[in-house]
Amino acid sequence: MPISIRSLLQGMHRQACLLCLQDSHTLLCQHCQADLPILNLAQYQHNLLNRPDIAQGLENINYQRLVACAPYQWPWDRLITSLKFSQRLLCAKALAEQFYRLTLFARQDLPEAILPMPLHASRYMRRRYNQAGEIAGQLSRLSHIPVDQHLCRRSKATLPQTELTGAQRRHNLRDAFSLNGPLPYRHIAVLDDVITTGTTISSLCHTLRCARVDLHIEVWCIAISLKSPLE
């Protein structure tokens, strides 16, 4: 192939890195990927519930495994908020690629399905998409794990959790989720973009466990808010 044609074809696959805006063959260039702050999952047997400061900061843990890429800080927060509030759907692909690279690439014991955190219908109508569903779809493409967006619905429009006290959060999420039918899985991953106190995730997991007590639940999130700095 002539050099000029090869160069043209290579150029067609180049784009701007979502973070540094430099030319890149990937959504995040190699330099930005190398600089990403990440959590050391291997140190905690690929389960952040084994990390005391994280487990102690979560409410009503009723799932068996917690997996996250990173603390909720730059540049993860920029990618997540750009997806969530600015309709930059390419960020869902970038976040899914990093989650797969950092947490799933070498795993064998994968769940049967991915359940993205549901949005209430009123919020979905305003936003027109579910950011957790967008990430889950991209992650399914990489991992070949199917996404089940119809298993569960958010049947109660809740207030933003960040504005509430602990007691208010629990009351806010009481009966917030319901199932649309039988639960056919024994092992499932519940996916959300960010976890802070874990109250919302625990409410959803409680609904799932009520339907099937032997259900093995993993919680997957892109980032988690830490009460203390990284070690």
Protein backbone atom coordinates (compact mmCIF):
# COMPACT_ATOMS: atom_id res chain seq x y z
CA MET A 1 0.00 0.00 0.00
CA PRO A 2 1.42 3.43 -0.92
CA ILE A 3 2.63 5.44 2.05
CA SER A 4 0.22 8.29 1.32
CA ILE A 5 -2.84 5.98 1.39
CA ARG A 6 -1.60 4.24 4.55
CA SER A 7 -1.13 7.60 6.24
CA LEU A 8 -4.62 8.67 5.19
CA LEU A 9 -6.20 5.50 6.59
CA GLN A 10 -4.29 5.83 9.85
CA GLY A 11 -5.36 9.44 10.14
CA MET A 12 -9.01 8.45 9.74
CA HIS A 13 -8.75 6.43 12.96
CA ARG A 14 -7.17 9.22 14.97
CA GLN A 15 -9.15 11.47 17.26
CA ALA A 16 -8.65 13.83 20.16
CA CYS A 17 -8.07 12.29 23.59
CA LEU A 18 -11.10 13.08 25.76
CA LEU A 19 -8.84 14.47 28.49
CA CYS A 20 -5.76 16.14 27.01
CA LEU A 21 -7.24 16.74 23.51
CA GLN A 22 -4.07 15.51 21.83
CA ASP A 23 -4.27 13.25 18.78
CA SER A 24 -4.86 9.66 19.84
CA HIS A 25 -5.83 6.28 18.39
CA THR A 26 -7.93 5.67 21.52
CA LEU A 27 -10.49 7.70 23.46
CA LEU A 28 -7.92 8.19 26.23
CA CYS A 29 -4.34 8.47 25.02
CA GLN A 30 -1.64 6.25 26.50
CA HIS A 31 -0.20 9.11 28.55
CA CYS A 32 -3.56 9.93 30.16
CA GLN A 33 -4.24 6.24 30.82
CA ALA A 34 -0.86 5.91 32.54
CA ASP A 35 -1.66 8.91 34.77
CA LEU A 36 -5.09 7.71 35.89
CA PRO A 37 -5.41 7.30 39.67
CA ILE A 38 -6.62 3.75 40.30
CA LEU A 39 -7.47 1.46 43.20
CA ASN A 40 -5.29 -1.58 43.81
CA LEU A 41 -7.85 -4.35 43.46
CA ALA A 42 -5.28 -7.15 43.55
CA GLN A 43 -4.24 -6.09 47.05
CA TYR A 44 -7.80 -6.75 48.26
CA GLN A 45 -8.51 -9.98 46.35
CA HIS A 46 -10.44 -8.02 43.70
CA ASN A 47 -13.07 -7.11 46.29
CA LEU A 48 -13.03 -3.65 47.85
CA LEU A 49 -15.21 -4.87 50.71
CA ASN A 50 -11.90 -6.28 52.01
CA ARG A 51 -10.56 -2.74 52.32
CA PRO A 52 -11.64 -1.57 55.83
CA ASP A 53 -11.99 2.16 55.15
CA ILE A 54 -14.26 1.49 52.18
CA ALA A 55 -16.39 -1.16 53.88
CA GLN A 56 -16.85 1.00 56.98
CA GLY A 57 -18.01 3.93 54.86
CA LEU A 58 -20.84 1.99 53.19
CA GLU A 59 -24.35 1.51 54.53
CA ASN A 60 -26.24 -1.79 54.76
CA ILE A 61 -23.92 -3.95 52.68
CA ASN A 62 -25.96 -6.85 51.30
CA TYR A 63 -23.83 -7.89 48.34
CA GLN A 64 -20.77 -10.11 48.15
CA ARG A 65 -18.28 -8.14 46.06
CA LEU A 66 -17.51 -4.51 45.27
CA VAL A 67 -15.39 -3.57 42.28
CA ALA A 68 -14.39 -0.02 41.30
CA CYS A 69 -11.71 1.49 39.12
CA ALA A 70 -10.76 4.52 41.13
CA PRO A 71 -11.53 7.14 43.76
CA TYR A 72 -14.00 9.77 42.62
CA GLN A 73 -11.53 12.46 41.65
CA TRP A 74 -9.95 14.03 38.59
CA PRO A 75 -10.11 12.94 35.81
CA TRP A 76 -12.73 10.27 36.49
CA ASP A 77 -15.15 12.87 37.83
CA ARG A 78 -14.85 14.90 34.63
CA LEU A 79 -15.61 11.89 32.41
CA ILE A 80 -18.55 10.84 34.58
CA THR A 81 -20.15 14.28 34.84
CA SER A 82 -19.61 14.89 31.12
CA LEU A 83 -21.54 11.71 30.42
CA LYS A 84 -24.20 12.34 33.04
CA PHE A 85 -24.98 15.99 32.46
CA SER A 86 -23.48 17.02 29.10
CA GLN A 87 -24.65 14.11 26.91
CA ARG A 88 -21.10 13.19 25.91
CA LEU A 89 -21.90 9.56 25.22
CA LEU A 90 -18.35 8.83 24.05
CA CYS A 91 -17.40 9.08 27.72
CA ALA A 92 -19.48 5.94 28.38
CA LYS A 93 -17.31 4.03 25.94
CA ALA A 94 -14.11 5.41 27.47
CA LEU A 95 -15.24 4.57 31.01
CA ALA A 96 -16.30 1.06 30.00
CA GLU A 97 -12.96 0.45 28.28
CA GLN A 98 -11.07 1.48 31.40
CA PHE A 99 -13.32 -0.57 33.69
CA TYR A 100 -12.78 -3.64 31.54
CA ARG A 101 -9.02 -3.07 31.31
CA LEU A 102 -8.58 -2.49 35.04
CA THR A 103 -11.05 -4.94 36.59
CA LEU A 104 -12.35 -7.63 34.22
CA PHE A 105 -9.71 -8.42 31.62
CA ALA A 106 -8.19 -11.41 33.45
CA ARG A 107 -11.26 -12.61 35.39
CA GLN A 108 -12.88 -15.97 34.80
CA ASP A 109 -15.76 -15.96 37.33
CA LEU A 110 -17.93 -13.43 35.53
CA PRO A 111 -21.62 -12.86 36.30
CA GLU A 112 -24.46 -13.99 34.07
CA ALA A 113 -25.80 -10.49 33.44
CA ILE A 114 -25.19 -6.81 34.08
CA LEU A 115 -28.00 -4.83 35.68
CA PRO A 116 -27.50 -1.07 35.25
CA MET A 117 -28.89 1.14 38.01
CA PRO A 118 -32.41 2.05 36.82
CA LEU A 119 -33.57 5.63 36.36
CA HIS A 120 -37.08 6.68 37.26
CA ALA A 121 -39.21 7.30 34.17
CA SER A 122 -39.53 11.03 34.91
CA ARG A 123 -35.77 11.50 35.09
CA TYR A 124 -35.26 9.37 32.00
CA MET A 125 -37.69 11.56 30.07
CA ARG A 126 -35.68 14.65 30.99
CA ARG A 127 -32.27 13.14 30.26
CA ARG A 128 -33.32 10.79 27.43
CA TYR A 129 -30.76 8.17 28.43
CA ASN A 130 -29.48 6.28 31.46
CA GLN A 131 -25.76 6.86 31.99
CA ALA A 132 -25.36 3.51 33.79
CA GLY A 133 -27.14 1.81 30.89
CA GLU A 134 -24.80 3.47 28.39
CA ILE A 135 -21.73 2.23 30.30
CA ALA A 136 -23.26 -1.24 30.69
CA GLY A 137 -23.92 -1.50 26.95
CA GLN A 138 -20.32 -0.66 26.11
CA LEU A 139 -19.07 -3.06 28.80
CA SER A 140 -21.24 -5.83 27.40
CA ARG A 141 -19.64 -5.31 23.99
CA LEU A 142 -16.20 -5.88 25.52
CA SER A 143 -17.01 -8.67 27.99
CA HIS A 144 -19.86 -10.43 26.12
CA ILE A 145 -21.92 -10.36 29.33
CA PRO A 146 -25.54 -9.51 28.44
CA VAL A 147 -27.23 -6.41 29.85
CA ASP A 148 -30.67 -6.79 31.44
CA GLN A 149 -32.37 -3.38 31.47
CA HIS A 150 -35.87 -4.82 31.94
CA LEU A 151 -35.43 -6.91 35.09
CA CYS A 152 -35.91 -4.04 37.52
CA ARG A 153 -37.49 -0.60 37.50
CA ARG A 154 -37.24 2.45 39.70
CA SER A 155 -40.83 2.70 40.84
CA LYS A 156 -40.40 5.75 43.08
CA ALA A 157 -39.04 9.16 42.10
CA THR A 158 -36.48 9.88 44.82
CA LEU A 159 -34.71 13.06 45.88
CA PRO A 160 -30.96 13.40 45.20
CA GLN A 161 -29.18 11.40 47.91
CA THR A 162 -26.38 13.94 48.38
CA GLU A 163 -28.84 16.43 49.89
CA LEU A 164 -30.09 14.09 52.63
CA THR A 165 -28.98 12.77 56.01
CA GLY A 166 -28.44 9.05 56.58
CA ALA A 167 -31.96 8.50 57.98
CA GLN A 168 -33.48 10.59 55.20
CA ARG A 169 -31.57 8.61 52.57
CA ARG A 170 -32.92 5.31 53.86
CA HIS A 171 -36.50 6.64 53.99
CA ASN A 172 -36.10 8.22 50.56
CA LEU A 173 -35.22 4.85 49.03
CA ARG A 174 -37.79 2.73 50.83
CA ASP A 175 -39.65 0.70 48.19
CA ALA A 176 -37.83 2.63 45.46
CA PHE A 177 -37.24 -0.45 43.28
CA SER A 178 -39.40 -3.31 42.07
CA LEU A 179 -38.94 -6.29 39.76
CA ASN A 180 -40.78 -6.70 36.48
CA GLY A 181 -40.84 -10.49 36.71
CA PRO A 182 -38.99 -13.56 38.03
CA LEU A 183 -35.27 -13.29 38.67
CA PRO A 184 -33.61 -15.89 36.41
CA TYR A 185 -29.99 -15.41 37.52
CA ARG A 186 -27.81 -16.83 40.27
CA HIS A 187 -24.92 -14.38 39.76
CA ILE A 188 -25.42 -10.77 38.68
CA ALA A 189 -23.47 -7.51 38.56
CA VAL A 190 -25.26 -4.29 39.52
CA LEU A 191 -23.57 -1.36 37.77
CA ASP A 192 -23.60 2.34 38.64
CA ASP A 193 -21.34 5.24 37.76
CA VAL A 194 -20.42 6.45 41.28
CA ILE A 195 -20.94 5.15 44.81
CA THR A 196 -20.90 7.52 47.79
CA THR A 197 -22.63 6.02 50.84
CA GLY A 198 -23.91 2.96 48.99
CA THR A 199 -27.50 3.48 50.18
CA THR A 200 -29.01 3.41 46.69
CA ILE A 201 -27.08 0.30 45.68
CA SER A 202 -28.06 -1.45 48.92
CA SER A 203 -31.73 -0.64 48.35
CA LEU A 204 -31.62 -2.19 44.89
CA CYS A 205 -29.68 -5.23 46.15
CA HIS A 206 -32.24 -5.69 48.94
CA THR A 207 -35.02 -5.87 46.33
CA LEU A 208 -33.03 -8.43 44.34
CA ARG A 209 -32.19 -10.57 47.38
CA CYS A 210 -35.85 -10.58 48.47
CA ALA A 211 -36.67 -12.17 45.14
CA ARG A 212 -33.88 -14.75 45.39
CA VAL A 213 -32.05 -15.32 48.66
CA ASP A 214 -29.24 -17.35 47.08
CA LEU A 215 -28.41 -14.61 44.56
CA HIS A 216 -24.71 -13.71 44.34
CA ILE A 217 -24.45 -9.95 43.73
CA GLU A 218 -21.42 -8.00 42.64
CA VAL A 219 -21.51 -4.22 42.64
CA TRP A 220 -19.56 -2.57 39.86
CA CYS A 221 -18.92 1.15 39.72
CA ILE A 222 -16.52 3.37 37.87
CA ALA A 223 -15.54 5.38 40.94
CA ILE A 224 -16.15 5.49 44.66
CA SER A 225 -16.06 8.42 47.06
CA LEU A 226 -13.45 7.82 49.74
CA LYS A 227 -13.65 9.40 53.19
CA SER A 228 -9.87 9.30 53.51
CA PRO A 229 -7.08 9.86 50.96
CA LEU A 230 -5.66 6.96 49.02
CA GLU A 231 -2.96 5.03 50.84
